Amino acid sequence: MKREGLTTATMRTFTSLLKTLVLNGADLNDVESVKEALTRIKNSNSRYTAITAYACYLRFKGGTWKPPKCIKQQKFPFIPAEEEIEALIAGCSRLISTILLLLRKQA
């Protein structure tokens, strides 16, 4: 995985998800049992990442598969309320408050 440019955090996540698949009854050498175990993962983003992790595992083992379709849910960005922005500006130093006020007026 390092040769593919994956970070240490990604490798840990993939390893954890592969362990989760095994705990859900998957035999990593049997594609159909992995697909069955994937149905037991309720969070669609975790399922999407588990599919990616298993695909990486199969590339390492020299296997192939047709992964099930899974749509990754997009998260909406957090937009603070006007009162929260004002509280942030009030809690900052004079210099930072001035900069934040200028940025707020430009937006």
PDB file of N, CA and C in Angstrom:
ATOM      1  N   MET A   1       0.820  -1.189   0.000  1.00  0.00           N
ATOM      2  CA  MET A   1       0.000   0.000   0.000  1.00  0.00           C
ATOM      3  C   MET A   1       0.867   1.256   0.000  1.00  0.00           C
ATOM      4  N   LYS A   2       2.033   1.156   0.656  1.00  0.00           N
ATOM      5  CA  LYS A   2       2.926   2.310   0.655  1.00  0.00           C
ATOM      6  C   LYS A   2       3.386   2.636  -0.759  1.00  0.00           C
ATOM      7  N   ARG A   3       3.631   1.601  -1.555  1.00  0.00           N
ATOM      8  CA  ARG A   3       4.084   1.827  -2.935  1.00  0.00           C
ATOM      9  C   ARG A   3       3.001   2.504  -3.775  1.00  0.00           C
ATOM     10  N   GLU A   4       1.748   2.337  -3.382  1.00  0.00           N
ATOM     11  CA  GLU A   4       0.649   2.988  -4.100  1.00  0.00           C
ATOM     12  C   GLU A   4       0.430   4.416  -3.625  1.00  0.00           C
ATOM     13  N   GLY A   5       1.201   4.846  -2.628  1.00  0.00           N
ATOM     14  CA  GLY A   5       1.119   6.218  -2.160  1.00  0.00           C
ATOM     15  C   GLY A   5       0.095   6.448  -1.063  1.00  0.00           C
ATOM     16  N   LEU A   6      -0.363   5.379  -0.409  1.00  0.00           N
ATOM     17  CA  LEU A   6      -1.338   5.540   0.655  1.00  0.00           C
ATOM     18  C   LEU A   6      -0.648   5.974   1.941  1.00  0.00           C
ATOM     19  N   THR A   7      -1.318   6.813   2.710  1.00  0.00           N
ATOM     20  CA  THR A   7      -0.750   7.282   3.971  1.00  0.00           C
ATOM     21  C   THR A   7      -0.900   6.205   5.042  1.00  0.00           C
ATOM     22  N   THR A   8      -0.177   6.385   6.130  1.00  0.00           N
ATOM     23  CA  THR A   8      -0.248   5.444   7.243  1.00  0.00           C
ATOM     24  C   THR A   8      -1.661   5.395   7.816  1.00  0.00           C
ATOM     25  N   ALA A   9      -2.315   6.547   7.906  1.00  0.00           N
ATOM     26  CA  ALA A   9      -3.680   6.587   8.429  1.00  0.00           C
ATOM     27  C   ALA A   9      -4.637   5.797   7.538  1.00  0.00           C
ATOM     28  N   THR A  10      -4.472   5.914   6.229  1.00  0.00           N
ATOM     29  CA  THR A  10      -5.315   5.167   5.300  1.00  0.00           C
ATOM     30  C   THR A  10      -5.069   3.672   5.433  1.00  0.00           C
ATOM     31  N   MET A  11      -3.818   3.293   5.582  1.00  0.00           N
ATOM     32  CA  MET A  11      -3.500   1.871   5.744  1.00  0.00           C
ATOM     33  C   MET A  11      -4.124   1.319   7.022  1.00  0.00           C
ATOM     34  N   ARG A  12      -4.090   2.104   8.104  1.00  0.00           N
ATOM     35  CA  ARG A  12      -4.728   1.670   9.353  1.00  0.00           C
ATOM     36  C   ARG A  12      -6.235   1.525   9.174  1.00  0.00           C
ATOM     37  N   THR A  13      -6.844   2.480   8.483  1.00  0.00           N
ATOM     38  CA  THR A  13      -8.288   2.422   8.237  1.00  0.00           C
ATOM     39  C   THR A  13      -8.641   1.198   7.415  1.00  0.00           C
ATOM     40  N   PHE A  14      -7.886   0.942   6.351  1.00  0.00           N
ATOM     41  CA  PHE A  14      -8.141  -0.222   5.506  1.00  0.00           C
ATOM     42  C   PHE A  14      -7.996  -1.520   6.311  1.00  0.00           C
ATOM     43  N   THR A  15      -6.952  -1.600   7.133  1.00  0.00           N
ATOM     44  CA  THR A  15      -6.736  -2.792   7.953  1.00  0.00           C
ATOM     45  C   THR A  15      -7.899  -2.993   8.921  1.00  0.00           C
ATOM     46  N   SER A  16      -8.340  -1.913   9.531  1.00  0.00           N
ATOM     47  CA  SER A  16      -9.464  -1.987  10.463  1.00  0.00           C
ATOM     48  C   SER A  16     -10.740  -2.443   9.759  1.00  0.00           C
ATOM     49  N   LEU A  17     -10.982  -1.930   8.552  1.00  0.00           N
ATOM     50  CA  LEU A  17     -12.183  -2.325   7.820  1.00  0.00           C
ATOM     51  C   LEU A  17     -12.107  -3.776   7.337  1.00  0.00           C
ATOM     52  N   LEU A  18     -10.934  -4.237   6.976  1.00  0.00           N
ATOM     53  CA  LEU A  18     -10.786  -5.646   6.609  1.00  0.00           C
ATOM     54  C   LEU A  18     -11.051  -6.546   7.815  1.00  0.00           C
ATOM     55  N   LYS A  19     -10.609  -6.118   9.008  1.00  0.00           N
ATOM     56  CA  LYS A  19     -10.896  -6.872  10.225  1.00  0.00           C
ATOM     57  C   LYS A  19     -12.398  -6.873  10.502  1.00  0.00           C
ATOM     58  N   THR A  20     -13.056  -5.738  10.255  1.00  0.00           N
ATOM     59  CA  THR A  20     -14.507  -5.650  10.435  1.00  0.00           C
ATOM     60  C   THR A  20     -15.221  -6.611   9.501  1.00  0.00           C
ATOM     61  N   LEU A  21     -14.746  -6.712   8.271  1.00  0.00           N
ATOM     62  CA  LEU A  21     -15.345  -7.659   7.333  1.00  0.00           C
ATOM     63  C   LEU A  21     -15.217  -9.092   7.851  1.00  0.00           C
ATOM     64  N   VAL A  22     -14.031  -9.421   8.365  1.00  0.00           N
ATOM     65  CA  VAL A  22     -13.809 -10.767   8.892  1.00  0.00           C
ATOM     66  C   VAL A  22     -14.721 -11.018  10.099  1.00  0.00           C
ATOM     67  N   LEU A  23     -14.868 -10.012  10.974  1.00  0.00           N
ATOM     68  CA  LEU A  23     -15.744 -10.165  12.134  1.00  0.00           C
ATOM     69  C   LEU A  23     -17.209 -10.318  11.717  1.00  0.00           C
ATOM     70  N   ASN A  24     -17.562  -9.774  10.555  1.00  0.00           N
ATOM     71  CA  ASN A  24     -18.923  -9.916  10.034  1.00  0.00           C
ATOM     72  C   ASN A  24     -19.097 -11.201   9.236  1.00  0.00           C
ATOM     73  N   GLY A  25     -18.128 -12.088   9.311  1.00  0.00           N
ATOM     74  CA  GLY A  25     -18.269 -13.406   8.695  1.00  0.00           C
ATOM     75  C   GLY A  25     -17.670 -13.557   7.318  1.00  0.00           C
ATOM     76  N   ALA A  26     -16.853 -12.619   6.881  1.00  0.00           N
ATOM     77  CA  ALA A  26     -16.273 -12.691   5.539  1.00  0.00           C
ATOM     78  C   ALA A  26     -15.014 -13.545   5.533  1.00  0.00           C
ATOM     79  N   ASP A  27     -14.885 -14.340   4.496  1.00  0.00           N
ATOM     80  CA  ASP A  27     -13.636 -15.032   4.202  1.00  0.00           C
ATOM     81  C   ASP A  27     -12.991 -14.206   3.095  1.00  0.00           C
ATOM     82  N   LEU A  28     -11.875 -13.557   3.396  1.00  0.00           N
ATOM     83  CA  LEU A  28     -11.277 -12.625   2.441  1.00  0.00           C
ATOM     84  C   LEU A  28     -10.854 -13.289   1.135  1.00  0.00           C
ATOM     85  N   ASN A  29     -10.776 -14.600   1.114  1.00  0.00           N
ATOM     86  CA  ASN A  29     -10.434 -15.303  -0.120  1.00  0.00           C
ATOM     87  C   ASN A  29     -11.674 -15.698  -0.925  1.00  0.00           C
ATOM     88  N   ASP A  30     -12.866 -15.417  -0.391  1.00  0.00           N
ATOM     89  CA  ASP A  30     -14.121 -15.728  -1.071  1.00  0.00           C
ATOM     90  C   ASP A  30     -14.884 -14.430  -1.304  1.00  0.00           C
ATOM     91  N   VAL A  31     -14.960 -14.005  -2.561  1.00  0.00           N
ATOM     92  CA  VAL A  31     -15.572 -12.721  -2.914  1.00  0.00           C
ATOM     93  C   VAL A  31     -17.032 -12.671  -2.485  1.00  0.00           C
ATOM     94  N   GLU A  32     -17.762 -13.743  -2.657  1.00  0.00           N
ATOM     95  CA  GLU A  32     -19.188 -13.740  -2.325  1.00  0.00           C
ATOM     96  C   GLU A  32     -19.424 -13.560  -0.824  1.00  0.00           C
ATOM     97  N   SER A  33     -18.568 -14.159   0.008  1.00  0.00           N
ATOM     98  CA  SER A  33     -18.737 -13.970   1.450  1.00  0.00           C
ATOM     99  C   SER A  33     -18.404 -12.540   1.856  1.00  0.00           C
ATOM    100  N   VAL A  34     -17.474 -11.903   1.136  1.00  0.00           N
ATOM    101  CA  VAL A  34     -17.154 -10.499   1.401  1.00  0.00           C
ATOM    102  C   VAL A  34     -18.343  -9.625   1.031  1.00  0.00           C
ATOM    103  N   LYS A  35     -18.972  -9.905  -0.107  1.00  0.00           N
ATOM    104  CA  LYS A  35     -20.155  -9.132  -0.506  1.00  0.00           C
ATOM    105  C   LYS A  35     -21.276  -9.277   0.523  1.00  0.00           C
ATOM    106  N   GLU A  36     -21.428 -10.472   1.069  1.00  0.00           N
ATOM    107  CA  GLU A  36     -22.444 -10.701   2.105  1.00  0.00           C
ATOM    108  C   GLU A  36     -22.114  -9.904   3.365  1.00  0.00           C
ATOM    109  N   ALA A  37     -20.843  -9.891   3.750  1.00  0.00           N
ATOM    110  CA  ALA A  37     -20.428  -9.143   4.944  1.00  0.00           C
ATOM    111  C   ALA A  37     -20.578  -7.642   4.737  1.00  0.00           C
ATOM    112  N   LEU A  38     -20.383  -7.184   3.509  1.00  0.00           N
ATOM    113  CA  LEU A  38     -20.540  -5.754   3.226  1.00  0.00           C
ATOM    114  C   LEU A  38     -21.972  -5.290   3.464  1.00  0.00           C
ATOM    115  N   THR A  39     -22.933  -6.178   3.271  1.00  0.00           N
ATOM    116  CA  THR A  39     -24.329  -5.793   3.494  1.00  0.00           C
ATOM    117  C   THR A  39     -24.614  -5.547   4.964  1.00  0.00           C
ATOM    118  N   ARG A  40     -23.768  -6.062   5.847  1.00  0.00           N
ATOM    119  CA  ARG A  40     -23.968  -5.880   7.284  1.00  0.00           C
ATOM    120  C   ARG A  40     -23.399  -4.557   7.792  1.00  0.00           C
ATOM    121  N   ILE A  41     -22.644  -3.861   6.957  1.00  0.00           N
ATOM    122  CA  ILE A  41     -22.104  -2.550   7.347  1.00  0.00           C
ATOM    123  C   ILE A  41     -23.154  -1.508   6.996  1.00  0.00           C
ATOM    124  N   LYS A  42     -23.692  -0.854   8.007  1.00  0.00           N
ATOM    125  CA  LYS A  42     -24.834   0.054   7.824  1.00  0.00           C
ATOM    126  C   LYS A  42     -24.445   1.418   7.248  1.00  0.00           C
ATOM    127  N   ASN A  43     -23.311   1.969   7.684  1.00  0.00           N
ATOM    128  CA  ASN A  43     -22.885   3.294   7.229  1.00  0.00           C
ATOM    129  C   ASN A  43     -22.386   3.201   5.789  1.00  0.00           C
ATOM    130  N   SER A  44     -23.008   3.956   4.875  1.00  0.00           N
ATOM    131  CA  SER A  44     -22.641   3.836   3.456  1.00  0.00           C
ATOM    132  C   SER A  44     -21.228   4.330   3.184  1.00  0.00           C
ATOM    133  N   ASN A  45     -20.749   5.327   3.926  1.00  0.00           N
ATOM    134  CA  ASN A  45     -19.380   5.796   3.718  1.00  0.00           C
ATOM    135  C   ASN A  45     -18.370   4.742   4.180  1.00  0.00           C
ATOM    136  N   SER A  46     -18.666   4.048   5.287  1.00  0.00           N
ATOM    137  CA  SER A  46     -17.790   2.965   5.739  1.00  0.00           C
ATOM    138  C   SER A  46     -17.819   1.805   4.761  1.00  0.00           C
ATOM    139  N   ARG A  47     -19.010   1.505   4.223  1.00  0.00           N
ATOM    140  CA  ARG A  47     -19.133   0.431   3.239  1.00  0.00           C
ATOM    141  C   ARG A  47     -18.326   0.771   1.989  1.00  0.00           C
ATOM    142  N   TYR A  48     -18.406   2.025   1.537  1.00  0.00           N
ATOM    143  CA  TYR A  48     -17.654   2.479   0.360  1.00  0.00           C
ATOM    144  C   TYR A  48     -16.149   2.310   0.593  1.00  0.00           C
ATOM    145  N   THR A  49     -15.688   2.701   1.784  1.00  0.00           N
ATOM    146  CA  THR A  49     -14.267   2.581   2.108  1.00  0.00           C
ATOM    147  C   THR A  49     -13.860   1.118   2.253  1.00  0.00           C
ATOM    148  N   ALA A  50     -14.752   0.284   2.790  1.00  0.00           N
ATOM    149  CA  ALA A  50     -14.456  -1.147   2.909  1.00  0.00           C
ATOM    150  C   ALA A  50     -14.320  -1.791   1.533  1.00  0.00           C
ATOM    151  N   ILE A  51     -15.148  -1.366   0.587  1.00  0.00           N
ATOM    152  CA  ILE A  51     -15.039  -1.873  -0.787  1.00  0.00           C
ATOM    153  C   ILE A  51     -13.690  -1.498  -1.375  1.00  0.00           C
ATOM    154  N   THR A  52     -13.265  -0.268  -1.134  1.00  0.00           N
ATOM    155  CA  THR A  52     -11.962   0.194  -1.621  1.00  0.00           C
ATOM    156  C   THR A  52     -10.828  -0.588  -0.948  1.00  0.00           C
ATOM    157  N   ALA A  53     -10.961  -0.824   0.356  1.00  0.00           N
ATOM    158  CA  ALA A  53      -9.933  -1.578   1.090  1.00  0.00           C
ATOM    159  C   ALA A  53      -9.834  -3.005   0.567  1.00  0.00           C
ATOM    160  N   TYR A  54     -10.985  -3.633   0.311  1.00  0.00           N
ATOM    161  CA  TYR A  54     -10.957  -5.008  -0.192  1.00  0.00           C
ATOM    162  C   TYR A  54     -10.378  -5.063  -1.602  1.00  0.00           C
ATOM    163  N   ALA A  55     -10.672  -4.063  -2.424  1.00  0.00           N
ATOM    164  CA  ALA A  55     -10.095  -4.005  -3.771  1.00  0.00           C
ATOM    165  C   ALA A  55      -8.569  -3.901  -3.689  1.00  0.00           C
ATOM    166  N   CYS A  56      -8.083  -3.113  -2.734  1.00  0.00           N
ATOM    167  CA  CYS A  56      -6.636  -2.989  -2.524  1.00  0.00           C
ATOM    168  C   CYS A  56      -6.052  -4.330  -2.079  1.00  0.00           C
ATOM    169  N   TYR A  57      -6.756  -5.019  -1.189  1.00  0.00           N
ATOM    170  CA  TYR A  57      -6.326  -6.344  -0.724  1.00  0.00           C
ATOM    171  C   TYR A  57      -6.249  -7.324  -1.893  1.00  0.00           C
ATOM    172  N   LEU A  58      -7.274  -7.296  -2.752  1.00  0.00           N
ATOM    173  CA  LEU A  58      -7.281  -8.212  -3.894  1.00  0.00           C
ATOM    174  C   LEU A  58      -6.154  -7.910  -4.881  1.00  0.00           C
ATOM    175  N   ARG A  59      -5.851  -6.629  -5.087  1.00  0.00           N
ATOM    176  CA  ARG A  59      -4.728  -6.271  -5.974  1.00  0.00           C
ATOM    177  C   ARG A  59      -3.434  -6.851  -5.423  1.00  0.00           C
ATOM    178  N   PHE A  60      -3.278  -6.787  -4.098  1.00  0.00           N
ATOM    179  CA  PHE A  60      -2.085  -7.346  -3.453  1.00  0.00           C
ATOM    180  C   PHE A  60      -2.016  -8.858  -3.659  1.00  0.00           C
ATOM    181  N   LYS A  61      -3.159  -9.536  -3.557  1.00  0.00           N
ATOM    182  CA  LYS A  61      -3.207 -10.993  -3.703  1.00  0.00           C
ATOM    183  C   LYS A  61      -3.258 -11.439  -5.164  1.00  0.00           C
ATOM    184  N   GLY A  62      -3.441 -10.507  -6.088  1.00  0.00           N
ATOM    185  CA  GLY A  62      -3.509 -10.861  -7.500  1.00  0.00           C
ATOM    186  C   GLY A  62      -4.893 -11.281  -7.960  1.00  0.00           C
ATOM    187  N   GLY A  63      -5.903 -11.000  -7.180  1.00  0.00           N
ATOM    188  CA  GLY A  63      -7.273 -11.364  -7.540  1.00  0.00           C
ATOM    189  C   GLY A  63      -8.023 -10.184  -8.141  1.00  0.00           C
ATOM    190  N   THR A  64      -9.199 -10.476  -8.649  1.00  0.00           N
ATOM    191  CA  THR A  64     -10.069  -9.426  -9.194  1.00  0.00           C
ATOM    192  C   THR A  64     -11.494  -9.697  -8.720  1.00  0.00           C
ATOM    193  N   TRP A  65     -12.335  -8.690  -8.850  1.00  0.00           N
ATOM    194  CA  TRP A  65     -13.744  -8.837  -8.522  1.00  0.00           C
ATOM    195  C   TRP A  65     -14.542  -7.707  -9.132  1.00  0.00           C
ATOM    196  N   LYS A  66     -15.824  -7.894  -9.181  1.00  0.00           N
ATOM    197  CA  LYS A  66     -16.731  -6.839  -9.628  1.00  0.00           C
ATOM    198  C   LYS A  66     -17.388  -6.294  -8.359  1.00  0.00           C
ATOM    199  N   PRO A  67     -16.915  -5.142  -7.889  1.00  0.00           N
ATOM    200  CA  PRO A  67     -17.422  -4.628  -6.610  1.00  0.00           C
ATOM    201  C   PRO A  67     -18.894  -4.235  -6.702  1.00  0.00           C
ATOM    202  N   PRO A  68     -19.615  -4.363  -5.583  1.00  0.00           N
ATOM    203  CA  PRO A  68     -21.007  -3.932  -5.581  1.00  0.00           C
ATOM    204  C   PRO A  68     -21.084  -2.411  -5.681  1.00  0.00           C
ATOM    205  N   LYS A  69     -22.201  -1.926  -6.203  1.00  0.00           N
ATOM    206  CA  LYS A  69     -22.367  -0.482  -6.324  1.00  0.00           C
ATOM    207  C   LYS A  69     -22.668   0.107  -4.954  1.00  0.00           C
ATOM    208  N   CYS A  70     -22.006   1.202  -4.663  1.00  0.00           N
ATOM    209  CA  CYS A  70     -22.202   1.893  -3.394  1.00  0.00           C
ATOM    210  C   CYS A  70     -21.930   3.374  -3.637  1.00  0.00           C
ATOM    211  N   ILE A  71     -22.844   4.191  -3.213  1.00  0.00           N
ATOM    212  CA  ILE A  71     -22.706   5.631  -3.412  1.00  0.00           C
ATOM    213  C   ILE A  71     -22.218   6.258  -2.111  1.00  0.00           C
ATOM    214  N   LYS A  72     -21.143   6.999  -2.208  1.00  0.00           N
ATOM    215  CA  LYS A  72     -20.587   7.686  -1.054  1.00  0.00           C
ATOM    216  C   LYS A  72     -21.401   8.959  -0.827  1.00  0.00           C
ATOM    217  N   GLN A  73     -21.891   9.129   0.397  1.00  0.00           N
ATOM    218  CA  GLN A  73     -22.687  10.307   0.705  1.00  0.00           C
ATOM    219  C   GLN A  73     -21.779  11.512   0.904  1.00  0.00           C
ATOM    220  N   GLN A  74     -22.165  12.610   0.288  1.00  0.00           N
ATOM    221  CA  GLN A  74     -21.409  13.843   0.425  1.00  0.00           C
ATOM    222  C   GLN A  74     -21.881  14.580   1.671  1.00  0.00           C
ATOM    223  N   LYS A  75     -20.948  15.069   2.461  1.00  0.00           N
ATOM    224  CA  LYS A  75     -21.286  15.823   3.658  1.00  0.00           C
ATOM    225  C   LYS A  75     -21.360  17.309   3.302  1.00  0.00           C
ATOM    226  N   PHE A  76     -22.352  17.976   3.870  1.00  0.00           N
ATOM    227  CA  PHE A  76     -22.473  19.403   3.668  1.00  0.00           C
ATOM    228  C   PHE A  76     -21.510  20.127   4.590  1.00  0.00           C
ATOM    229  N   PRO A  77     -20.901  21.218   4.099  1.00  0.00           N
ATOM    230  CA  PRO A  77     -19.963  21.953   4.952  1.00  0.00           C
ATOM    231  C   PRO A  77     -20.704  22.653   6.095  1.00  0.00           C
ATOM    232  N   PHE A  78     -20.023  22.835   7.215  1.00  0.00           N
ATOM    233  CA  PHE A  78     -20.595  23.543   8.351  1.00  0.00           C
ATOM    234  C   PHE A  78     -20.558  25.039   8.071  1.00  0.00           C
ATOM    235  N   ILE A  79     -21.688  25.667   8.164  1.00  0.00           N
ATOM    236  CA  ILE A  79     -21.780  27.122   7.991  1.00  0.00           C
ATOM    237  C   ILE A  79     -22.263  27.694   9.313  1.00  0.00           C
ATOM    238  N   PRO A  80     -21.398  28.442   9.994  1.00  0.00           N
ATOM    239  CA  PRO A  80     -21.790  28.958  11.311  1.00  0.00           C
ATOM    240  C   PRO A  80     -22.868  30.035  11.200  1.00  0.00           C
ATOM    241  N   ALA A  81     -23.667  30.154  12.271  1.00  0.00           N
ATOM    242  CA  ALA A  81     -24.688  31.200  12.336  1.00  0.00           C
ATOM    243  C   ALA A  81     -24.015  32.552  12.554  1.00  0.00           C
ATOM    244  N   GLU A  82     -24.738  33.597  12.262  1.00  0.00           N
ATOM    245  CA  GLU A  82     -24.197  34.959  12.405  1.00  0.00           C
ATOM    246  C   GLU A  82     -23.746  35.217  13.846  1.00  0.00           C
ATOM    247  N   GLU A  83     -24.512  34.721  14.817  1.00  0.00           N
ATOM    248  CA  GLU A  83     -24.158  34.921  16.230  1.00  0.00           C
ATOM    249  C   GLU A  83     -22.847  34.205  16.570  1.00  0.00           C
ATOM    250  N   GLU A  84     -22.622  33.049  15.982  1.00  0.00           N
ATOM    251  CA  GLU A  84     -21.379  32.313  16.234  1.00  0.00           C
ATOM    252  C   GLU A  84     -20.179  33.058  15.655  1.00  0.00           C
ATOM    253  N   ILE A  85     -20.356  33.657  14.499  1.00  0.00           N
ATOM    254  CA  ILE A  85     -19.265  34.440  13.895  1.00  0.00           C
ATOM    255  C   ILE A  85     -18.947  35.650  14.763  1.00  0.00           C
ATOM    256  N   GLU A  86     -19.992  36.321  15.237  1.00  0.00           N
ATOM    257  CA  GLU A  86     -19.781  37.486  16.099  1.00  0.00           C
ATOM    258  C   GLU A  86     -19.092  37.094  17.405  1.00  0.00           C
ATOM    259  N   ALA A  87     -19.470  35.944  17.963  1.00  0.00           N
ATOM    260  CA  ALA A  87     -18.833  35.478  19.199  1.00  0.00           C
ATOM    261  C   ALA A  87     -17.360  35.153  18.956  1.00  0.00           C
ATOM    262  N   LEU A  88     -17.044  34.584  17.797  1.00  0.00           N
ATOM    263  CA  LEU A  88     -15.655  34.285  17.453  1.00  0.00           C
ATOM    264  C   LEU A  88     -14.843  35.567  17.359  1.00  0.00           C
ATOM    265  N   ILE A  89     -15.383  36.554  16.668  1.00  0.00           N
ATOM    266  CA  ILE A  89     -14.675  37.829  16.494  1.00  0.00           C
ATOM    267  C   ILE A  89     -14.478  38.509  17.847  1.00  0.00           C
ATOM    268  N   ALA A  90     -15.502  38.470  18.703  1.00  0.00           N
ATOM    269  CA  ALA A  90     -15.415  39.102  20.018  1.00  0.00           C
ATOM    270  C   ALA A  90     -14.379  38.413  20.906  1.00  0.00           C
ATOM    271  N   GLY A  91     -14.162  37.117  20.715  1.00  0.00           N
ATOM    272  CA  GLY A  91     -13.226  36.381  21.551  1.00  0.00           C
ATOM    273  C   GLY A  91     -11.779  36.464  21.103  1.00  0.00           C
ATOM    274  N   CYS A  92     -11.524  37.069  19.949  1.00  0.00           N
ATOM    275  CA  CYS A  92     -10.156  37.140  19.423  1.00  0.00           C
ATOM    276  C   CYS A  92      -9.463  38.417  19.868  1.00  0.00           C
ATOM    277  N   SER A  93      -8.151  38.452  19.642  1.00  0.00           N
ATOM    278  CA  SER A  93      -7.381  39.655  19.968  1.00  0.00           C
ATOM    279  C   SER A  93      -7.797  40.786  19.030  1.00  0.00           C
ATOM    280  N   ARG A  94      -7.327  41.984  19.340  1.00  0.00           N
ATOM    281  CA  ARG A  94      -7.714  43.167  18.565  1.00  0.00           C
ATOM    282  C   ARG A  94      -7.290  43.045  17.097  1.00  0.00           C
ATOM    283  N   LEU A  95      -6.080  42.572  16.854  1.00  0.00           N
ATOM    284  CA  LEU A  95      -5.564  42.440  15.492  1.00  0.00           C
ATOM    285  C   LEU A  95      -6.364  41.395  14.705  1.00  0.00           C
ATOM    286  N   ILE A  96      -6.548  40.231  15.307  1.00  0.00           N
ATOM    287  CA  ILE A  96      -7.280  39.159  14.622  1.00  0.00           C
ATOM    288  C   ILE A  96      -8.737  39.583  14.400  1.00  0.00           C
ATOM    289  N   SER A  97      -9.339  40.244  15.384  1.00  0.00           N
ATOM    290  CA  SER A  97     -10.716  40.720  15.227  1.00  0.00           C
ATOM    291  C   SER A  97     -10.838  41.672  14.045  1.00  0.00           C
ATOM    292  N   THR A  98      -9.872  42.564  13.907  1.00  0.00           N
ATOM    293  CA  THR A  98      -9.888  43.514  12.789  1.00  0.00           C
ATOM    294  C   THR A  98      -9.792  42.784  11.459  1.00  0.00           C
ATOM    295  N   ILE A  99      -8.906  41.806  11.383  1.00  0.00           N
ATOM    296  CA  ILE A  99      -8.736  41.029  10.145  1.00  0.00           C
ATOM    297  C   ILE A  99     -10.022  40.263   9.834  1.00  0.00           C
ATOM    298  N   LEU A 100     -10.618  39.635  10.842  1.00  0.00           N
ATOM    299  CA  LEU A 100     -11.857  38.889  10.633  1.00  0.00           C
ATOM    300  C   LEU A 100     -13.009  39.788  10.201  1.00  0.00           C
ATOM    301  N   LEU A 101     -13.065  40.978  10.767  1.00  0.00           N
ATOM    302  CA  LEU A 101     -14.113  41.939  10.373  1.00  0.00           C
ATOM    303  C   LEU A 101     -13.935  42.344   8.914  1.00  0.00           C
ATOM    304  N   LEU A 102     -12.679  42.565   8.503  1.00  0.00           N
ATOM    305  CA  LEU A 102     -12.426  42.921   7.108  1.00  0.00           C
ATOM    306  C   LEU A 102     -12.808  41.775   6.175  1.00  0.00           C
ATOM    307  N   LEU A 103     -12.468  40.553   6.547  1.00  0.00           N
ATOM    308  CA  LEU A 103     -12.825  39.396   5.732  1.00  0.00           C
ATOM    309  C   LEU A 103     -14.336  39.214   5.665  1.00  0.00           C
ATOM    310  N   ARG A 104     -15.008  39.458   6.767  1.00  0.00           N
ATOM    311  CA  ARG A 104     -16.461  39.308   6.787  1.00  0.00           C
ATOM    312  C   ARG A 104     -17.150  40.319   5.888  1.00  0.00           C
ATOM    313  N   LYS A 105     -16.623  41.528   5.835  1.00  0.00           N
ATOM    314  CA  LYS A 105     -17.220  42.563   4.974  1.00  0.00           C
ATOM    315  C   LYS A 105     -17.019  42.263   3.500  1.00  0.00           C
ATOM    316  N   GLN A 106     -15.905  41.576   3.156  1.00  0.00           N
ATOM    317  CA  GLN A 106     -15.647  41.241   1.761  1.00  0.00           C
ATOM    318  C   GLN A 106     -16.544  40.115   1.281  1.00  0.00           C
ATOM    319  N   ALA A 107     -16.951  39.252   2.154  1.00  0.00           N
ATOM    320  CA  ALA A 107     -17.746  38.080   1.760  1.00  0.00           C
ATOM    321  C   ALA A 107     -19.191  38.376   1.524  1.00  0.00           C
TER     322      ALA A 107
END
